[in-house]
Amino acid sequence: MAKQRTGKVKDKWKAKEWYRVMAPEMFNNALIAETMADAPEKLIGRTVETTMRELRGDISKTHLKLRFQVSDVKGSDAHTRFIGHSLASDYIRRLSRKRRSQIDESYPVITKDGFELIVKALALAEKKIQSSQGTAIRNIMKDTINESAGNKPLGGFINEMISGGLSANIFSKCKSIYPLKRVEIRASEIAFTPKTETAPTLDTVPTPETTPTPDAVPTPETAPAPDAISVTESSETLKQASEETGVKKETEKTPE
């Protein structure tokens, strides 16, 4: 017959505490959500998703979803970093309805402060466009997105994407090629995050002016080396002693 456990069953929920999940500084450290954990380190790496409406109260951005990941915990606050955004699938379906042509491309970009992102852009047209026009629109999208990312840090580039400024810039540049119906940055994802502290390169390491290089250290030419003097003197002394010993031996062997 199996033994019954007589110990007290531990309630795991009582050991957990509530933590506030905070948005990054670029979103004014706004409160995203609240979660529970029995240890702060177990929060690291958790992801949370919210919308611009919930984060900033913007009703017109209900379809815009933001993703964050917990990177640090201080006290009861879990701080996050931005890892990407996307548009709601039903919103994209509504845009694509009755559209005869669309251009959907992904572009890898690098921001001014070294972050690498994958940006997905969507361009919609009322009628079918020619292949040459599609190629020209793709090039404009690529050049505009790369230029915007290269001239801004991560926070500025994200703000331009989610505010609609980047898509409006692409839309205006494509007017001369084909009158598009709409342009959207439908998704983004951070592929690489640089370290906050980087080791200095050889170009940035300062060279002290007061420290002489090995070529500049003067080497005395006339001063003999102490080791060479002692070796020469000792060798001459041994040679003289051996000669005297040999002469003494020959004198003892010669009969008088």
C-alpha atoms as a PDB file:
ATOM      1  CA  MET A   1       0.000   0.000   0.000  1.00  0.00           C
ATOM      2  CA  ALA A   2       1.452   3.366  -1.035  1.00  0.00           C
ATOM      3  CA  LYS A   3       2.344   5.863   1.661  1.00  0.00           C
ATOM      4  CA  GLN A   4       0.320   9.012   1.811  1.00  0.00           C
ATOM      5  CA  ARG A   5       2.122  12.307   1.976  1.00  0.00           C
ATOM      6  CA  THR A   6       1.671  13.950   5.321  1.00  0.00           C
ATOM      7  CA  GLY A   7       3.666  17.115   4.525  1.00  0.00           C
ATOM      8  CA  LYS A   8       1.997  20.413   3.858  1.00  0.00           C
ATOM      9  CA  VAL A   9       1.401  21.200   0.181  1.00  0.00           C
ATOM     10  CA  LYS A  10       3.149  24.430  -0.799  1.00  0.00           C
ATOM     11  CA  ASP A  11       1.012  26.975  -2.579  1.00  0.00           C
ATOM     12  CA  LYS A  12       3.074  28.233  -5.537  1.00  0.00           C
ATOM     13  CA  TRP A  13       0.850  31.238  -6.076  1.00  0.00           C
ATOM     14  CA  LYS A  14       1.599  32.620  -2.612  1.00  0.00           C
ATOM     15  CA  ALA A  15       5.320  32.619  -3.407  1.00  0.00           C
ATOM     16  CA  LYS A  16       4.808  34.805  -6.480  1.00  0.00           C
ATOM     17  CA  GLU A  17       4.859  38.587  -6.563  1.00  0.00           C
ATOM     18  CA  TRP A  18       3.376  41.145  -8.916  1.00  0.00           C
ATOM     19  CA  TYR A  19       5.682  43.089 -11.261  1.00  0.00           C
ATOM     20  CA  ARG A  20       4.906  46.046 -13.479  1.00  0.00           C
ATOM     21  CA  VAL A  21       6.057  45.705 -17.088  1.00  0.00           C
ATOM     22  CA  MET A  22       7.298  49.091 -18.305  1.00  0.00           C
ATOM     23  CA  ALA A  23       7.822  50.316 -21.873  1.00  0.00           C
ATOM     24  CA  PRO A  24      11.263  51.599 -22.962  1.00  0.00           C
ATOM     25  CA  GLU A  25      12.300  55.214 -22.569  1.00  0.00           C
ATOM     26  CA  MET A  26      11.350  55.995 -26.198  1.00  0.00           C
ATOM     27  CA  PHE A  27       7.734  55.314 -25.121  1.00  0.00           C
ATOM     28  CA  ASN A  28       8.095  57.377 -21.924  1.00  0.00           C
ATOM     29  CA  ASN A  29       8.351  54.275 -19.688  1.00  0.00           C
ATOM     30  CA  ALA A  30       4.599  53.794 -19.904  1.00  0.00           C
ATOM     31  CA  LEU A  31       2.967  50.898 -18.077  1.00  0.00           C
ATOM     32  CA  ILE A  32       2.309  48.026 -20.498  1.00  0.00           C
ATOM     33  CA  ALA A  33       0.993  45.281 -18.220  1.00  0.00           C
ATOM     34  CA  GLU A  34       1.391  43.506 -14.897  1.00  0.00           C
ATOM     35  CA  THR A  35       2.663  39.973 -14.427  1.00  0.00           C
ATOM     36  CA  MET A  36       3.582  37.542 -11.666  1.00  0.00           C
ATOM     37  CA  ALA A  37       6.790  35.647 -10.928  1.00  0.00           C
ATOM     38  CA  ASP A  38       8.392  33.936  -7.943  1.00  0.00           C
ATOM     39  CA  ALA A  39      11.836  35.332  -8.826  1.00  0.00           C
ATOM     40  CA  PRO A  40      12.876  38.480 -10.718  1.00  0.00           C
ATOM     41  CA  GLU A  41      15.317  36.606 -12.963  1.00  0.00           C
ATOM     42  CA  LYS A  42      12.452  34.503 -14.339  1.00  0.00           C
ATOM     43  CA  LEU A  43      11.014  37.624 -15.941  1.00  0.00           C
ATOM     44  CA  ILE A  44      14.062  38.159 -18.159  1.00  0.00           C
ATOM     45  CA  GLY A  45      13.251  37.247 -21.745  1.00  0.00           C
ATOM     46  CA  ARG A  46       9.476  37.354 -21.424  1.00  0.00           C
ATOM     47  CA  THR A  47       7.704  39.038 -24.323  1.00  0.00           C
ATOM     48  CA  VAL A  48       4.615  41.205 -24.177  1.00  0.00           C
ATOM     49  CA  GLU A  49       2.452  42.626 -26.959  1.00  0.00           C
ATOM     50  CA  THR A  50       0.308  45.735 -26.904  1.00  0.00           C
ATOM     51  CA  THR A  51      -1.245  48.226 -29.313  1.00  0.00           C
ATOM     52  CA  MET A  52      -0.622  51.905 -29.831  1.00  0.00           C
ATOM     53  CA  ARG A  53      -4.138  52.565 -28.617  1.00  0.00           C
ATOM     54  CA  GLU A  54      -3.430  50.887 -25.273  1.00  0.00           C
ATOM     55  CA  LEU A  55       0.016  52.451 -24.963  1.00  0.00           C
ATOM     56  CA  ARG A  56      -0.700  56.030 -26.012  1.00  0.00           C
ATOM     57  CA  GLY A  57      -4.474  56.192 -26.310  1.00  0.00           C
ATOM     58  CA  ASP A  58      -4.383  56.771 -30.078  1.00  0.00           C
ATOM     59  CA  ILE A  59      -7.645  55.331 -31.467  1.00  0.00           C
ATOM     60  CA  SER A  60      -6.431  55.634 -35.070  1.00  0.00           C
ATOM     61  CA  LYS A  61      -3.545  53.218 -34.318  1.00  0.00           C
ATOM     62  CA  THR A  62      -5.594  50.314 -32.957  1.00  0.00           C
ATOM     63  CA  HIS A  63      -4.312  48.080 -35.771  1.00  0.00           C
ATOM     64  CA  LEU A  64      -0.646  48.781 -34.878  1.00  0.00           C
ATOM     65  CA  LYS A  65       0.804  46.138 -32.540  1.00  0.00           C
ATOM     66  CA  LEU A  66       4.099  46.582 -30.652  1.00  0.00           C
ATOM     67  CA  ARG A  67       6.243  43.816 -29.168  1.00  0.00           C
ATOM     68  CA  PHE A  68       8.571  44.227 -26.194  1.00  0.00           C
ATOM     69  CA  GLN A  69      10.921  41.908 -24.300  1.00  0.00           C
ATOM     70  CA  VAL A  70      11.868  42.145 -20.620  1.00  0.00           C
ATOM     71  CA  SER A  71      15.579  42.958 -20.343  1.00  0.00           C
ATOM     72  CA  ASP A  72      16.030  44.147 -16.737  1.00  0.00           C
ATOM     73  CA  VAL A  73      14.209  44.075 -13.400  1.00  0.00           C
ATOM     74  CA  LYS A  74      14.627  46.768 -10.740  1.00  0.00           C
ATOM     75  CA  GLY A  75      12.494  46.362  -7.664  1.00  0.00           C
ATOM     76  CA  SER A  76       8.949  45.691  -8.775  1.00  0.00           C
ATOM     77  CA  ASP A  77       9.469  47.214 -12.245  1.00  0.00           C
ATOM     78  CA  ALA A  78      10.382  45.034 -15.231  1.00  0.00           C
ATOM     79  CA  HIS A  79      11.976  47.170 -17.940  1.00  0.00           C
ATOM     80  CA  THR A  80      11.665  46.146 -21.577  1.00  0.00           C
ATOM     81  CA  ARG A  81      13.224  46.775 -24.960  1.00  0.00           C
ATOM     82  CA  PHE A  82      11.479  47.148 -28.317  1.00  0.00           C
ATOM     83  CA  ILE A  83      11.823  44.042 -30.517  1.00  0.00           C
ATOM     84  CA  GLY A  84       9.390  44.755 -33.363  1.00  0.00           C
ATOM     85  CA  HIS A  85       5.971  45.813 -34.583  1.00  0.00           C
ATOM     86  CA  SER A  86       3.330  44.571 -37.008  1.00  0.00           C
ATOM     87  CA  LEU A  87      -0.031  45.506 -38.469  1.00  0.00           C
ATOM     88  CA  ALA A  88      -3.099  43.449 -37.648  1.00  0.00           C
ATOM     89  CA  SER A  89      -3.827  40.792 -40.269  1.00  0.00           C
ATOM     90  CA  ASP A  90      -7.464  41.864 -40.699  1.00  0.00           C
ATOM     91  CA  TYR A  91      -6.299  45.440 -41.336  1.00  0.00           C
ATOM     92  CA  ILE A  92      -4.004  44.257 -44.152  1.00  0.00           C
ATOM     93  CA  ARG A  93      -6.809  42.149 -45.629  1.00  0.00           C
ATOM     94  CA  ARG A  94      -9.076  45.190 -45.742  1.00  0.00           C
ATOM     95  CA  LEU A  95      -6.387  47.182 -47.544  1.00  0.00           C
ATOM     96  CA  SER A  96      -5.747  44.410 -50.072  1.00  0.00           C
ATOM     97  CA  ARG A  97      -9.420  43.942 -50.881  1.00  0.00           C
ATOM     98  CA  LYS A  98     -10.233  44.791 -54.510  1.00  0.00           C
ATOM     99  CA  ARG A  99      -6.638  45.841 -55.137  1.00  0.00           C
ATOM    100  CA  ARG A 100      -5.242  44.567 -58.380  1.00  0.00           C
ATOM    101  CA  SER A 101      -1.603  44.997 -57.609  1.00  0.00           C
ATOM    102  CA  GLN A 102       0.555  45.071 -54.504  1.00  0.00           C
ATOM    103  CA  ILE A 103       4.282  45.153 -53.749  1.00  0.00           C
ATOM    104  CA  ASP A 104       5.416  43.460 -50.536  1.00  0.00           C
ATOM    105  CA  GLU A 105       9.153  43.513 -49.812  1.00  0.00           C
ATOM    106  CA  SER A 106      11.554  43.056 -46.872  1.00  0.00           C
ATOM    107  CA  TYR A 107      14.692  45.145 -46.416  1.00  0.00           C
ATOM    108  CA  PRO A 108      17.569  44.699 -43.931  1.00  0.00           C
ATOM    109  CA  VAL A 109      18.697  48.075 -42.562  1.00  0.00           C
ATOM    110  CA  ILE A 110      21.188  49.403 -39.993  1.00  0.00           C
ATOM    111  CA  THR A 111      20.402  52.422 -37.828  1.00  0.00           C
ATOM    112  CA  LYS A 112      22.821  55.195 -36.965  1.00  0.00           C
ATOM    113  CA  ASP A 113      23.578  53.614 -33.564  1.00  0.00           C
ATOM    114  CA  GLY A 114      24.256  50.138 -34.986  1.00  0.00           C
ATOM    115  CA  PHE A 115      20.935  48.298 -34.596  1.00  0.00           C
ATOM    116  CA  GLU A 116      20.059  45.893 -37.416  1.00  0.00           C
ATOM    117  CA  LEU A 117      16.398  45.567 -38.382  1.00  0.00           C
ATOM    118  CA  ILE A 118      14.266  43.746 -40.932  1.00  0.00           C
ATOM    119  CA  VAL A 119      11.677  46.197 -42.290  1.00  0.00           C
ATOM    120  CA  LYS A 120       8.707  44.969 -44.349  1.00  0.00           C
ATOM    121  CA  ALA A 121       7.009  47.520 -46.601  1.00  0.00           C
ATOM    122  CA  LEU A 122       3.741  47.183 -48.488  1.00  0.00           C
ATOM    123  CA  ALA A 123       2.635  49.301 -51.479  1.00  0.00           C
ATOM    124  CA  LEU A 124      -0.876  48.996 -52.947  1.00  0.00           C
ATOM    125  CA  ALA A 125      -2.180  50.178 -56.335  1.00  0.00           C
ATOM    126  CA  GLU A 126      -5.690  50.332 -57.748  1.00  0.00           C
ATOM    127  CA  LYS A 127      -4.716  48.838 -61.097  1.00  0.00           C
ATOM    128  CA  LYS A 128      -2.106  46.440 -62.373  1.00  0.00           C
ATOM    129  CA  ILE A 129       1.314  48.033 -62.749  1.00  0.00           C
ATOM    130  CA  GLN A 130       4.049  47.124 -65.207  1.00  0.00           C
ATOM    131  CA  SER A 131       7.108  45.161 -64.134  1.00  0.00           C
ATOM    132  CA  SER A 132       9.421  48.116 -64.827  1.00  0.00           C
ATOM    133  CA  GLN A 133       7.265  50.347 -62.635  1.00  0.00           C
ATOM    134  CA  GLY A 134       7.267  47.732 -59.899  1.00  0.00           C
ATOM    135  CA  THR A 135      11.067  47.557 -60.007  1.00  0.00           C
ATOM    136  CA  ALA A 136      11.348  51.337 -59.767  1.00  0.00           C
ATOM    137  CA  ILE A 137       8.955  51.434 -56.788  1.00  0.00           C
ATOM    138  CA  ARG A 138      10.925  48.683 -55.028  1.00  0.00           C
ATOM    139  CA  ASN A 139      14.155  50.653 -55.481  1.00  0.00           C
ATOM    140  CA  ILE A 140      12.541  53.799 -54.075  1.00  0.00           C
ATOM    141  CA  MET A 141      11.258  51.862 -51.068  1.00  0.00           C
ATOM    142  CA  LYS A 142      14.680  50.323 -50.451  1.00  0.00           C
ATOM    143  CA  ASP A 143      16.620  53.606 -50.789  1.00  0.00           C
ATOM    144  CA  THR A 144      14.160  55.608 -48.660  1.00  0.00           C
ATOM    145  CA  ILE A 145      14.098  53.062 -45.820  1.00  0.00           C
ATOM    146  CA  ASN A 146      17.895  52.661 -45.792  1.00  0.00           C
ATOM    147  CA  GLU A 147      18.419  56.433 -45.840  1.00  0.00           C
ATOM    148  CA  SER A 148      16.003  56.994 -42.969  1.00  0.00           C
ATOM    149  CA  ALA A 149      17.580  54.241 -40.840  1.00  0.00           C
ATOM    150  CA  GLY A 150      21.149  55.362 -41.524  1.00  0.00           C
ATOM    151  CA  ASN A 151      20.452  58.957 -40.482  1.00  0.00           C
ATOM    152  CA  LYS A 152      18.582  58.208 -37.241  1.00  0.00           C
ATOM    153  CA  PRO A 153      19.160  56.269 -34.016  1.00  0.00           C
ATOM    154  CA  LEU A 154      16.829  53.397 -33.202  1.00  0.00           C
ATOM    155  CA  GLY A 155      14.300  55.524 -31.296  1.00  0.00           C
ATOM    156  CA  GLY A 156      13.959  58.076 -34.083  1.00  0.00           C
ATOM    157  CA  PHE A 157      13.623  55.414 -36.773  1.00  0.00           C
ATOM    158  CA  ILE A 158      10.940  53.514 -34.828  1.00  0.00           C
ATOM    159  CA  ASN A 159       9.010  56.723 -34.260  1.00  0.00           C
ATOM    160  CA  GLU A 160       9.081  57.496 -38.000  1.00  0.00           C
ATOM    161  CA  MET A 161       7.851  53.982 -38.835  1.00  0.00           C
ATOM    162  CA  ILE A 162       4.929  53.837 -36.415  1.00  0.00           C
ATOM    163  CA  SER A 163       3.871  57.468 -36.907  1.00  0.00           C
ATOM    164  CA  GLY A 164       3.464  56.995 -40.670  1.00  0.00           C
ATOM    165  CA  GLY A 165       6.161  59.458 -41.675  1.00  0.00           C
ATOM    166  CA  LEU A 166       8.289  56.858 -43.458  1.00  0.00           C
ATOM    167  CA  SER A 167       5.394  55.445 -45.494  1.00  0.00           C
ATOM    168  CA  ALA A 168       4.255  58.976 -46.410  1.00  0.00           C
ATOM    169  CA  ASN A 169       7.754  59.775 -47.658  1.00  0.00           C
ATOM    170  CA  ILE A 170       7.769  56.657 -49.873  1.00  0.00           C
ATOM    171  CA  PHE A 171       4.276  57.474 -51.129  1.00  0.00           C
ATOM    172  CA  SER A 172       5.264  60.983 -52.257  1.00  0.00           C
ATOM    173  CA  LYS A 173       8.438  59.758 -54.012  1.00  0.00           C
ATOM    174  CA  CYS A 174       6.517  57.129 -55.989  1.00  0.00           C
ATOM    175  CA  LYS A 175       3.989  59.606 -57.419  1.00  0.00           C
ATOM    176  CA  SER A 176       6.193  60.303 -60.429  1.00  0.00           C
ATOM    177  CA  ILE A 177       6.251  56.589 -61.315  1.00  0.00           C
ATOM    178  CA  TYR A 178       2.732  55.445 -60.481  1.00  0.00           C
ATOM    179  CA  PRO A 179      -0.069  56.908 -58.342  1.00  0.00           C
ATOM    180  CA  LEU A 180      -0.213  54.378 -55.501  1.00  0.00           C
ATOM    181  CA  LYS A 181      -3.303  53.983 -53.366  1.00  0.00           C
ATOM    182  CA  ARG A 182      -1.478  53.352 -50.065  1.00  0.00           C
ATOM    183  CA  VAL A 183       1.941  52.577 -48.582  1.00  0.00           C
ATOM    184  CA  GLU A 184       2.421  50.918 -45.185  1.00  0.00           C
ATOM    185  CA  ILE A 185       5.380  49.723 -43.122  1.00  0.00           C
ATOM    186  CA  ARG A 186       3.574  46.549 -42.182  1.00  0.00           C
ATOM    187  CA  ALA A 187       6.187  44.982 -39.882  1.00  0.00           C
ATOM    188  CA  SER A 188       9.650  45.355 -38.387  1.00  0.00           C
ATOM    189  CA  GLU A 189      11.927  43.166 -36.313  1.00  0.00           C
ATOM    190  CA  ILE A 190      15.223  43.867 -34.553  1.00  0.00           C
ATOM    191  CA  ALA A 191      17.751  41.303 -35.777  1.00  0.00           C
ATOM    192  CA  PHE A 192      20.851  42.518 -33.922  1.00  0.00           C
ATOM    193  CA  THR A 193      21.391  44.685 -30.844  1.00  0.00           C
ATOM    194  CA  PRO A 194      24.860  46.183 -30.354  1.00  0.00           C
ATOM    195  CA  LYS A 195      26.569  46.123 -26.987  1.00  0.00           C
ATOM    196  CA  THR A 196      26.195  49.239 -24.868  1.00  0.00           C
ATOM    197  CA  GLU A 197      29.938  49.379 -24.211  1.00  0.00           C
ATOM    198  CA  THR A 198      32.368  48.518 -26.989  1.00  0.00           C
ATOM    199  CA  ALA A 199      36.090  48.004 -26.711  1.00  0.00           C
ATOM    200  CA  PRO A 200      38.144  50.803 -28.294  1.00  0.00           C
ATOM    201  CA  THR A 201      39.662  50.052 -31.669  1.00  0.00           C
ATOM    202  CA  LEU A 202      43.241  50.642 -32.653  1.00  0.00           C
ATOM    203  CA  ASP A 203      42.277  53.953 -34.245  1.00  0.00           C
ATOM    204  CA  THR A 204      40.780  55.275 -31.004  1.00  0.00           C
ATOM    205  CA  VAL A 205      43.407  54.128 -28.504  1.00  0.00           C
ATOM    206  CA  PRO A 206      45.424  57.219 -27.452  1.00  0.00           C
ATOM    207  CA  THR A 207      49.206  57.000 -27.719  1.00  0.00           C
ATOM    208  CA  PRO A 208      51.041  58.683 -24.813  1.00  0.00           C
ATOM    209  CA  GLU A 209      53.407  61.387 -26.051  1.00  0.00           C
ATOM    210  CA  THR A 210      55.803  61.225 -23.107  1.00  0.00           C
ATOM    211  CA  THR A 211      56.535  57.515 -23.408  1.00  0.00           C
ATOM    212  CA  PRO A 212      59.486  56.976 -25.777  1.00  0.00           C
ATOM    213  CA  THR A 213      59.381  54.185 -28.295  1.00  0.00           C
ATOM    214  CA  PRO A 214      62.077  51.481 -28.252  1.00  0.00           C
ATOM    215  CA  ASP A 215      63.817  53.131 -31.232  1.00  0.00           C
ATOM    216  CA  ALA A 216      64.057  56.428 -29.392  1.00  0.00           C
ATOM    217  CA  VAL A 217      65.732  55.005 -26.259  1.00  0.00           C
ATOM    218  CA  PRO A 218      69.448  55.943 -26.394  1.00  0.00           C
ATOM    219  CA  THR A 219      71.855  53.025 -26.302  1.00  0.00           C
ATOM    220  CA  PRO A 220      75.368  53.759 -24.928  1.00  0.00           C
ATOM    221  CA  GLU A 221      77.959  52.760 -27.493  1.00  0.00           C
ATOM    222  CA  THR A 222      81.177  53.193 -25.407  1.00  0.00           C
ATOM    223  CA  ALA A 223      79.977  51.620 -22.181  1.00  0.00           C
ATOM    224  CA  PRO A 224      80.989  47.921 -22.178  1.00  0.00           C
ATOM    225  CA  ALA A 225      78.570  45.337 -20.912  1.00  0.00           C
ATOM    226  CA  PRO A 226      79.299  44.216 -17.319  1.00  0.00           C
ATOM    227  CA  ASP A 227      78.763  40.572 -18.153  1.00  0.00           C
ATOM    228  CA  ALA A 228      81.329  40.673 -20.999  1.00  0.00           C
ATOM    229  CA  ILE A 229      83.987  42.227 -18.711  1.00  0.00           C
ATOM    230  CA  SER A 230      83.580  39.608 -16.023  1.00  0.00           C
ATOM    231  CA  VAL A 231      83.728  36.744 -18.512  1.00  0.00           C
ATOM    232  CA  THR A 232      86.929  38.075 -20.184  1.00  0.00           C
ATOM    233  CA  GLU A 233      88.729  38.663 -16.895  1.00  0.00           C
ATOM    234  CA  SER A 234      87.798  35.255 -15.537  1.00  0.00           C
ATOM    235  CA  SER A 235      88.958  33.502 -18.723  1.00  0.00           C
ATOM    236  CA  GLU A 236      92.343  35.282 -18.649  1.00  0.00           C
ATOM    237  CA  THR A 237      92.824  34.395 -14.950  1.00  0.00           C
ATOM    238  CA  LEU A 238      92.098  30.719 -15.599  1.00  0.00           C
ATOM    239  CA  LYS A 239      94.469  30.659 -18.555  1.00  0.00           C
ATOM    240  CA  GLN A 240      97.336  32.169 -16.486  1.00  0.00           C
ATOM    241  CA  ALA A 241      96.715  29.746 -13.606  1.00  0.00           C
ATOM    242  CA  SER A 242      96.790  26.759 -15.935  1.00  0.00           C
ATOM    243  CA  GLU A 243     100.087  27.889 -17.493  1.00  0.00           C
ATOM    244  CA  GLU A 244     101.710  28.278 -14.050  1.00  0.00           C
ATOM    245  CA  THR A 245     100.498  24.811 -13.025  1.00  0.00           C
ATOM    246  CA  GLY A 246     101.937  23.279 -16.197  1.00  0.00           C
ATOM    247  CA  VAL A 247     105.334  24.888 -15.639  1.00  0.00           C
ATOM    248  CA  LYS A 248     105.364  23.670 -12.030  1.00  0.00           C
ATOM    249  CA  LYS A 249     104.628  20.087 -13.089  1.00  0.00           C
ATOM    250  CA  GLU A 250     107.393  20.061 -15.690  1.00  0.00           C
ATOM    251  CA  THR A 251     109.898  21.354 -13.080  1.00  0.00           C
ATOM    252  CA  GLU A 252     109.024  18.537 -10.670  1.00  0.00           C
ATOM    253  CA  LYS A 253     109.461  15.826 -13.350  1.00  0.00           C
ATOM    254  CA  THR A 254     112.899  17.072 -14.540  1.00  0.00           C
ATOM    255  CA  PRO A 255     115.802  15.338 -12.575  1.00  0.00           C
ATOM    256  CA  GLU A 256     118.436  17.582 -11.021  1.00  0.00           C
END
